[in-house]
Protein backbone atom coordinates (compact mmCIF):
# COMPACT_ATOMS: atom_id res chain seq x y z
CA UNK A 1 147.56 50.86 65.29
CA UNK A 2 148.16 53.46 61.16
CA UNK A 3 147.76 55.69 58.36
CA UNK A 4 148.97 56.51 54.86
CA UNK A 5 147.58 57.04 50.93
CA UNK A 6 146.43 53.54 49.87
CA UNK A 7 147.58 52.20 46.42
CA UNK A 8 146.01 50.98 43.39
CA UNK A 9 146.47 47.58 41.83
CA UNK A 10 149.99 48.92 39.99
CA UNK A 11 150.93 50.35 43.20
CA UNK A 12 150.77 54.07 42.61
CA UNK A 13 149.17 56.59 45.08
CA UNK A 14 145.42 56.52 45.23
CA UNK A 15 144.19 60.31 45.46
CA UNK A 16 142.10 60.96 48.41
CA UNK A 17 139.13 62.34 46.43
CA UNK A 18 139.42 60.37 43.23
CA UNK A 19 136.22 58.79 42.38
CA UNK A 20 136.64 54.84 42.48
CA UNK A 21 134.14 51.82 42.03
CA UNK A 22 132.99 50.92 45.48
CA UNK A 23 131.73 47.83 46.87
CA UNK A 24 128.65 48.08 49.15
CA UNK A 25 130.93 47.98 52.27
CA UNK A 26 133.11 50.97 51.19
CA UNK A 27 129.77 52.89 50.59
CA UNK A 28 128.90 52.59 54.20
CA UNK A 29 132.56 53.74 55.41
CA UNK A 30 131.93 56.56 53.06
CA UNK A 31 129.11 57.86 54.78
CA UNK A 32 126.36 55.80 53.33
CA UNK A 33 123.75 54.16 55.85
CA UNK A 34 125.02 50.88 57.08
CA UNK A 35 123.99 47.62 55.20
CA UNK A 36 122.19 45.49 57.39
CA UNK A 37 123.83 42.06 58.47
CA UNK A 38 122.10 39.12 59.64
CA UNK A 39 118.95 40.53 58.73
CA UNK A 40 119.21 43.53 61.50
CA UNK A 41 118.90 46.90 60.29
CA UNK A 42 121.31 49.16 61.76
CA UNK A 43 121.09 53.20 62.21
CA UNK A 44 123.41 54.99 60.23
CA UNK A 45 125.89 57.11 62.49
CA UNK A 46 128.53 59.71 61.70
CA UNK A 47 131.59 58.44 60.16
CA UNK A 48 135.04 59.82 59.67
CA UNK A 49 135.04 63.03 57.43
CA UNK A 50 138.71 61.74 56.44
CA UNK A 51 138.96 58.50 54.43
CA UNK A 52 141.54 57.21 56.63
CA UNK A 53 143.92 54.56 55.46
CA UNK A 54 142.31 51.69 57.52
CA UNK A 55 139.10 52.08 55.31
CA UNK A 56 140.71 52.85 51.90
CA UNK A 57 141.54 49.36 51.31
CA UNK A 58 138.08 48.50 51.15
CA UNK A 59 137.55 50.92 48.18
CA UNK A 60 139.79 48.70 46.24
CA UNK A 61 138.76 45.51 44.34
CA UNK A 62 139.27 42.60 46.75
CA UNK A 63 142.51 40.72 46.17
CA UNK A 64 141.13 37.44 46.94
CA UNK A 65 137.99 37.95 44.75
CA UNK A 66 134.55 38.78 45.97
CA UNK A 67 132.93 35.66 48.14
CA UNK A 68 136.02 33.85 47.59
CA UNK A 69 135.75 30.40 49.43
CA UNK A 70 139.53 30.27 50.29
CA UNK A 71 142.03 33.14 50.23
CA UNK A 72 144.83 33.30 47.64
CA UNK A 73 148.13 33.35 49.25
CA UNK A 74 150.42 36.67 49.14
CA UNK A 75 152.71 36.94 46.15
CA UNK A 76 156.40 37.10 46.81
CA UNK A 77 157.55 40.79 45.61
CA UNK A 78 160.77 41.96 45.60
CA UNK A 79 159.76 45.52 46.69
CA UNK A 80 157.50 44.17 49.35
CA UNK A 81 159.26 46.22 52.01
CA UNK A 82 158.74 49.55 50.04
CA UNK A 83 155.07 49.18 49.92
CA UNK A 84 152.33 50.40 52.15
CA UNK A 85 152.98 48.86 55.67
CA UNK A 86 150.47 49.52 58.58
CA UNK A 87 151.83 47.92 61.78
CA UNK A 88 154.90 46.03 63.25
CA UNK A 89 155.98 44.35 66.47
CA UNK A 90 159.15 43.63 68.16
CA UNK A 91 159.95 39.87 69.22
CA UNK A 92 163.11 39.65 70.65
CA UNK A 93 165.76 40.18 67.94
CA UNK A 94 163.08 40.24 65.35
CA UNK A 95 160.83 42.80 63.75
CA UNK A 96 157.75 41.61 62.14
CA UNK A 97 155.83 44.26 59.74
CA UNK A 98 152.50 43.83 57.95
CA UNK A 99 150.79 45.79 55.10
CA UNK A 100 149.09 45.81 51.82
CA UNK A 101 148.44 42.71 49.85
CA UNK A 102 148.85 40.17 52.50
CA UNK A 103 152.69 41.14 52.99
CA UNK A 104 154.49 40.36 56.15
CA UNK A 105 158.24 40.85 56.26
CA UNK A 106 160.73 39.88 59.01
CA UNK A 107 164.09 41.16 60.03
CA UNK A 108 166.66 39.81 62.39
CA UNK A 109 169.20 42.69 61.94
CA UNK A 110 167.34 46.04 63.14
CA UNK A 111 165.78 46.46 60.09
CA UNK A 112 168.80 46.25 57.77
CA UNK A 113 167.56 43.30 55.57
CA UNK A 114 164.24 41.73 55.40
CA UNK A 115 162.78 38.61 54.48
CA UNK A 116 158.86 38.08 53.04
CA UNK A 117 156.91 35.50 55.01
CA UNK A 118 154.75 32.83 53.51
CA UNK A 119 151.37 34.22 54.26
CA UNK A 120 148.03 32.42 52.92
CA UNK A 121 145.99 35.73 52.19
CA UNK A 122 146.45 38.74 50.12
CA UNK A 123 144.13 40.90 52.21
CA UNK A 124 145.23 44.16 53.48
CA UNK A 125 146.92 43.58 57.02
CA UNK A 126 146.48 46.17 59.19
CA UNK A 127 147.82 44.98 62.77
CA UNK A 128 150.46 42.26 64.31
CA UNK A 129 151.11 41.21 67.80
CA UNK A 130 154.04 39.10 68.99
CA UNK A 131 153.52 37.27 72.25
CA UNK A 132 157.20 36.10 72.14
CA UNK A 133 159.97 35.21 69.70
CA UNK A 134 157.98 32.46 68.03
CA UNK A 135 154.35 33.05 68.63
CA UNK A 136 152.24 35.95 67.07
CA UNK A 137 149.12 36.98 65.25
CA UNK A 138 148.17 39.44 62.54
CA UNK A 139 144.80 40.61 61.50
CA UNK A 140 143.20 42.47 58.35
CA UNK A 141 140.41 42.90 56.06
CA UNK A 142 138.12 39.96 55.24
CA UNK A 143 138.12 39.46 58.87
CA UNK A 144 141.53 37.47 58.40
CA UNK A 145 143.38 36.40 61.67
CA UNK A 146 146.76 34.84 60.94
CA UNK A 147 148.79 32.89 63.60
CA UNK A 148 152.60 32.17 63.56
CA UNK A 149 154.63 29.76 65.52
CA UNK A 150 158.10 30.14 63.94
CA UNK A 151 158.69 33.65 64.36
CA UNK A 152 156.90 35.28 61.46
CA UNK A 153 158.58 32.91 58.82
CA UNK A 154 155.30 31.14 57.89
CA UNK A 155 151.73 32.07 59.11
CA UNK A 156 148.29 29.96 58.92
CA UNK A 157 144.86 31.39 58.66
CA UNK A 158 142.75 30.74 61.88
CA UNK A 159 139.98 32.95 61.14
CA UNK A 160 138.41 34.40 57.74
CA UNK A 161 134.90 35.79 56.86
CA UNK A 162 134.78 38.09 53.97
CA UNK A 163 131.04 37.99 53.57
CA UNK A 164 130.97 39.95 56.65
CA UNK A 165 132.46 42.87 55.14
CA UNK A 166 134.13 44.12 58.31
CA UNK A 167 137.89 44.55 58.49
CA UNK A 168 139.70 43.65 61.54
CA UNK A 169 142.05 46.59 62.54
CA UNK A 170 143.78 45.64 65.98
CA UNK A 171 144.89 42.44 68.00
CA UNK A 172 146.16 42.03 71.22
CA UNK A 173 147.01 38.91 73.52
CA UNK A 174 147.43 38.76 77.30
CA UNK A 175 149.13 35.49 77.25
CA UNK A 176 149.58 32.74 74.84
CA UNK A 177 146.00 31.66 75.10
CA UNK A 178 143.69 34.69 75.76
CA UNK A 179 143.54 37.58 73.03
CA UNK A 180 141.10 39.73 71.10
CA UNK A 181 140.71 41.37 67.56
CA UNK A 182 138.67 44.41 67.00
CA UNK A 183 137.51 46.26 63.89
CA UNK A 184 134.65 48.06 61.83
CA UNK A 185 130.96 48.26 63.05
CA UNK A 186 131.79 47.15 66.71
CA UNK A 187 133.50 43.89 65.61
CA UNK A 188 134.87 42.31 68.82
CA UNK A 189 136.39 38.74 68.88
CA UNK A 190 137.68 36.97 71.50
CA UNK A 191 139.72 33.67 72.00
CA UNK A 192 140.97 31.40 74.81
CA UNK A 193 142.72 28.74 73.09
CA UNK A 194 145.52 30.96 71.36
CA UNK A 195 143.40 31.75 68.33
CA UNK A 196 142.41 28.33 67.00
CA UNK A 197 138.75 29.67 67.60
CA UNK A 198 137.18 32.97 67.82
CA UNK A 199 133.73 34.23 69.59
CA UNK A 200 132.24 37.49 68.91
CA UNK A 201 131.14 39.70 71.87
CA UNK A 202 129.34 43.08 71.96
CA UNK A 203 131.36 46.04 73.37
CA UNK A 204 128.12 48.33 73.59
CA UNK A 205 124.80 48.58 71.88
CA UNK A 206 126.53 51.13 69.34
CA UNK A 207 128.21 49.77 66.28
CA UNK A 208 130.87 52.16 66.26
CA UNK A 209 134.28 51.30 64.41
CA UNK A 210 136.84 49.77 66.98
CA UNK A 211 140.24 50.94 65.79
CA UNK A 212 142.98 50.19 68.52
CA UNK A 213 143.36 48.12 71.50
CA UNK A 214 145.57 49.67 74.47
CA UNK A 215 146.29 47.28 77.33
CA UNK A 216 147.12 49.03 80.64
CA UNK A 217 147.76 46.30 83.31
CA UNK A 218 146.49 42.70 83.89
CA UNK A 219 143.03 43.69 83.93
CA UNK A 220 142.70 47.01 82.31
CA UNK A 221 142.42 47.40 78.64
CA UNK A 222 141.19 50.42 76.35
CA UNK A 223 139.54 50.65 73.08
CA UNK A 224 139.77 53.76 70.77
CA UNK A 225 136.81 54.16 68.70
CA UNK A 226 135.03 56.58 66.61
CA UNK A 227 132.52 59.17 67.14
CA UNK A 228 134.33 60.51 70.19
CA UNK A 229 134.10 57.33 72.09
CA UNK A 230 136.88 55.37 73.98
CA UNK A 231 136.05 52.10 76.14
CA UNK A 232 137.70 50.83 79.04
CA UNK A 233 137.63 47.59 80.63
CA UNK A 234 138.51 46.60 84.16
CA UNK A 235 137.99 42.84 84.27
CA UNK A 236 140.39 41.72 81.38
CA UNK A 237 138.07 42.44 78.38
CA UNK A 238 134.67 40.94 79.98
CA UNK A 239 132.63 43.98 80.41
CA UNK A 240 133.23 47.46 78.62
CA UNK A 241 132.48 51.05 79.91
CA UNK A 242 132.03 53.88 77.46
CA UNK A 243 134.60 56.92 78.07
CA UNK A 244 133.56 60.52 76.69
CA UNK A 245 136.54 62.52 75.61
CA UNK A 246 135.81 66.10 74.87
CA UNK A 247 136.10 65.58 71.36
CA UNK A 248 133.66 64.26 68.70
CA UNK A 249 135.87 62.76 66.21
CA UNK A 250 137.55 59.37 65.52
CA UNK A 251 140.41 58.02 67.46
CA UNK A 252 142.96 55.94 65.71
CA UNK A 253 145.45 55.14 68.63
CA UNK A 254 145.88 54.92 72.23
CA UNK A 255 148.74 54.20 74.49
CA UNK A 256 148.53 53.16 78.26
CA UNK A 257 151.58 54.66 80.11
CA UNK A 258 150.47 52.86 83.27
CA UNK A 259 147.00 51.66 84.65
CA UNK A 260 145.70 55.11 84.67
CA UNK A 261 147.65 57.44 82.61
CA UNK A 262 146.61 57.29 78.92
CA UNK A 263 147.29 58.92 75.52
CA UNK A 264 144.35 59.33 72.95
CA UNK A 265 145.19 60.41 69.57
CA UNK A 266 143.22 60.88 66.24
CA UNK A 267 141.52 62.86 63.60
CA UNK A 268 142.94 66.64 62.82
CA UNK A 269 145.69 66.36 65.18
CA UNK A 270 143.61 65.64 68.22
CA UNK A 271 145.57 64.58 71.37
CA UNK A 272 144.30 63.98 74.91
CA UNK A 273 145.88 62.81 78.02
CA UNK A 274 144.09 61.34 81.03
CA UNK A 275 145.51 60.47 84.33
CA UNK A 276 142.48 58.93 86.05
CA UNK A 277 141.66 56.02 83.45
CA UNK A 278 139.60 58.15 81.16
CA UNK A 279 137.44 59.77 83.79
CA UNK A 280 138.80 63.21 83.18
CA UNK A 281 140.84 64.72 80.17
CA UNK A 282 143.19 67.54 79.12
CA UNK A 283 143.98 68.53 75.58
CA UNK A 284 147.51 68.42 74.28
CA UNK A 285 148.66 71.03 72.09
CA UNK A 286 150.08 69.54 69.13
CA UNK A 287 150.20 72.09 66.36
CA UNK A 288 149.08 70.34 63.50
CA UNK A 289 145.90 69.24 62.08
CA UNK A 290 147.18 66.07 60.57
CA UNK A 291 145.32 62.71 61.61
CA UNK A 292 147.48 60.89 64.11
CA UNK A 293 147.70 57.26 63.67
CA UNK A 294 149.75 55.49 66.49
CA UNK A 295 151.87 56.15 69.61
CA UNK A 296 155.14 54.28 70.73
CA UNK A 297 156.60 54.43 74.20
CA UNK A 298 160.20 54.70 73.74
CA UNK A 299 161.23 54.59 77.48
CA UNK A 300 159.38 55.55 80.65
CA UNK A 301 158.49 58.96 79.59
CA UNK A 302 159.57 59.52 76.11
CA UNK A 303 156.80 59.04 73.68
CA UNK A 304 156.84 59.09 69.75
CA UNK A 305 153.36 59.82 68.10
CA UNK A 306 153.05 59.34 64.19
CA UNK A 307 150.49 60.87 61.81
CA UNK A 308 149.71 61.63 58.22
CA UNK A 309 151.46 64.04 56.26
CA UNK A 310 154.83 62.76 57.35
CA UNK A 311 153.98 64.16 60.96
CA UNK A 312 155.57 62.88 64.17
CA UNK A 313 155.26 64.20 67.85
CA UNK A 314 157.79 63.81 70.32
CA UNK A 315 157.51 63.95 74.04
CA UNK A 316 159.82 63.55 76.91
CA UNK A 317 157.34 64.07 79.71
CA UNK A 318 154.76 61.57 79.01
CA UNK A 319 152.80 63.17 76.62
CA UNK A 320 152.07 66.34 78.74
CA UNK A 321 153.97 68.46 75.91
CA UNK A 322 155.11 67.56 72.53
CA UNK A 323 157.32 68.90 69.81
CA UNK A 324 156.19 68.74 66.28
CA UNK A 325 158.17 66.92 63.09
CA UNK A 326 157.94 66.14 59.82
CA UNK A 327 159.91 63.73 57.41
CA UNK A 328 160.79 65.50 54.05
CA UNK A 329 158.50 63.23 51.74
CA UNK A 330 155.59 64.03 53.73
CA UNK A 331 154.20 60.55 53.22
CA UNK A 332 151.83 59.23 55.94
CA UNK A 333 153.39 57.29 58.96
CA UNK A 334 151.16 54.58 60.22
CA UNK A 335 153.29 53.43 63.03
CA UNK A 336 156.78 53.06 64.72
CA UNK A 337 159.31 50.42 66.22
CA UNK A 338 161.87 51.28 68.88
CA UNK A 339 165.31 49.48 67.81
CA UNK A 340 167.37 47.72 70.10
CA UNK A 341 170.29 50.02 69.34
CA UNK A 342 168.31 53.22 70.26
CA UNK A 343 166.96 54.14 66.87
CA UNK A 344 163.32 54.18 65.65
CA UNK A 345 162.15 52.52 62.58
CA UNK A 346 158.82 54.25 60.93
CA UNK A 347 156.31 52.64 58.83
CA UNK A 348 154.03 53.89 56.50
CA UNK A 349 153.19 54.64 52.72
CA UNK A 350 156.95 54.31 52.11
CA UNK A 351 157.50 50.77 53.67
CA UNK A 352 159.88 51.37 56.26
CA UNK A 353 162.39 54.22 57.10
CA UNK A 354 164.60 54.70 59.90
CA UNK A 355 164.61 57.54 62.15
CA UNK A 356 167.87 57.54 63.92
CA UNK A 357 167.33 60.11 66.74
CA UNK A 358 164.24 61.65 68.41
CA UNK A 359 165.16 65.45 69.17
């Protein structure tokens, strides 16, 4: 699940407060009242005060063109591995990373070399999940869902709904057939046939953005949402219960260490830990106000948490205590991958960068 400054059409950084033309969906994400969908008026509610990366992509002109009947394929770009990358997955010897303009890249040598995949969209891709070395899914803006059956070399489009103006932000599969995708305005999709068809479900009566999924066993699943809300399912995603951590801002990532132990992270350096599946919470002192974007379990008790401004937090006790670090460039880090040789690969505004050792 991610964060960094977005980029304009020429690849340069987009200033956080620089005025840009906004399509209607962007106005809603910037704090304007939500736009009715399907004729149903929705109440406005508090949006994140920071224009986080997941929403920044909506401020830019749609790469596929507004209302395009079919998406345009991603353009092969020699410097794609240096562009904005938001998420990645490890699939046996393969690394698969996704990001802006429909870029998907695959490495089979621990990130030393990368090959760009053939992808049928130019939408900003926000998350990827690999079930095994062959089968995986990626999601992004325009409600795009992609599926691969050859380890990420090629992808086919299995869901596309730009008219809904709701990006998808995370995806996870329990097995080869059963999976979920979540996104803005309470967008929750489920499939039981490997992603060929998707059905929309409601997690709650609220339309809070659903930012990240965190599996915690065969039947338990968490969702990091906004407005201080997280959700838990104890029946494999059939029903959901709202949790109330003691912070009212947005959560952009979550990591389940087992069925009961959970880390929840988000705006302004907020990090909370639960030992009882979200019934009670303890705040972890982070020493930073940078927004936290994702968490990686390196081993049984070692955790790496990434954030904006080049921030990363390391823990050797399951997130009870953390040490603060920062990459020299201070570019936003969206996620991290554990490498087979013991190293860590950071993803973000810079593309990919190796962090050789966690101190």
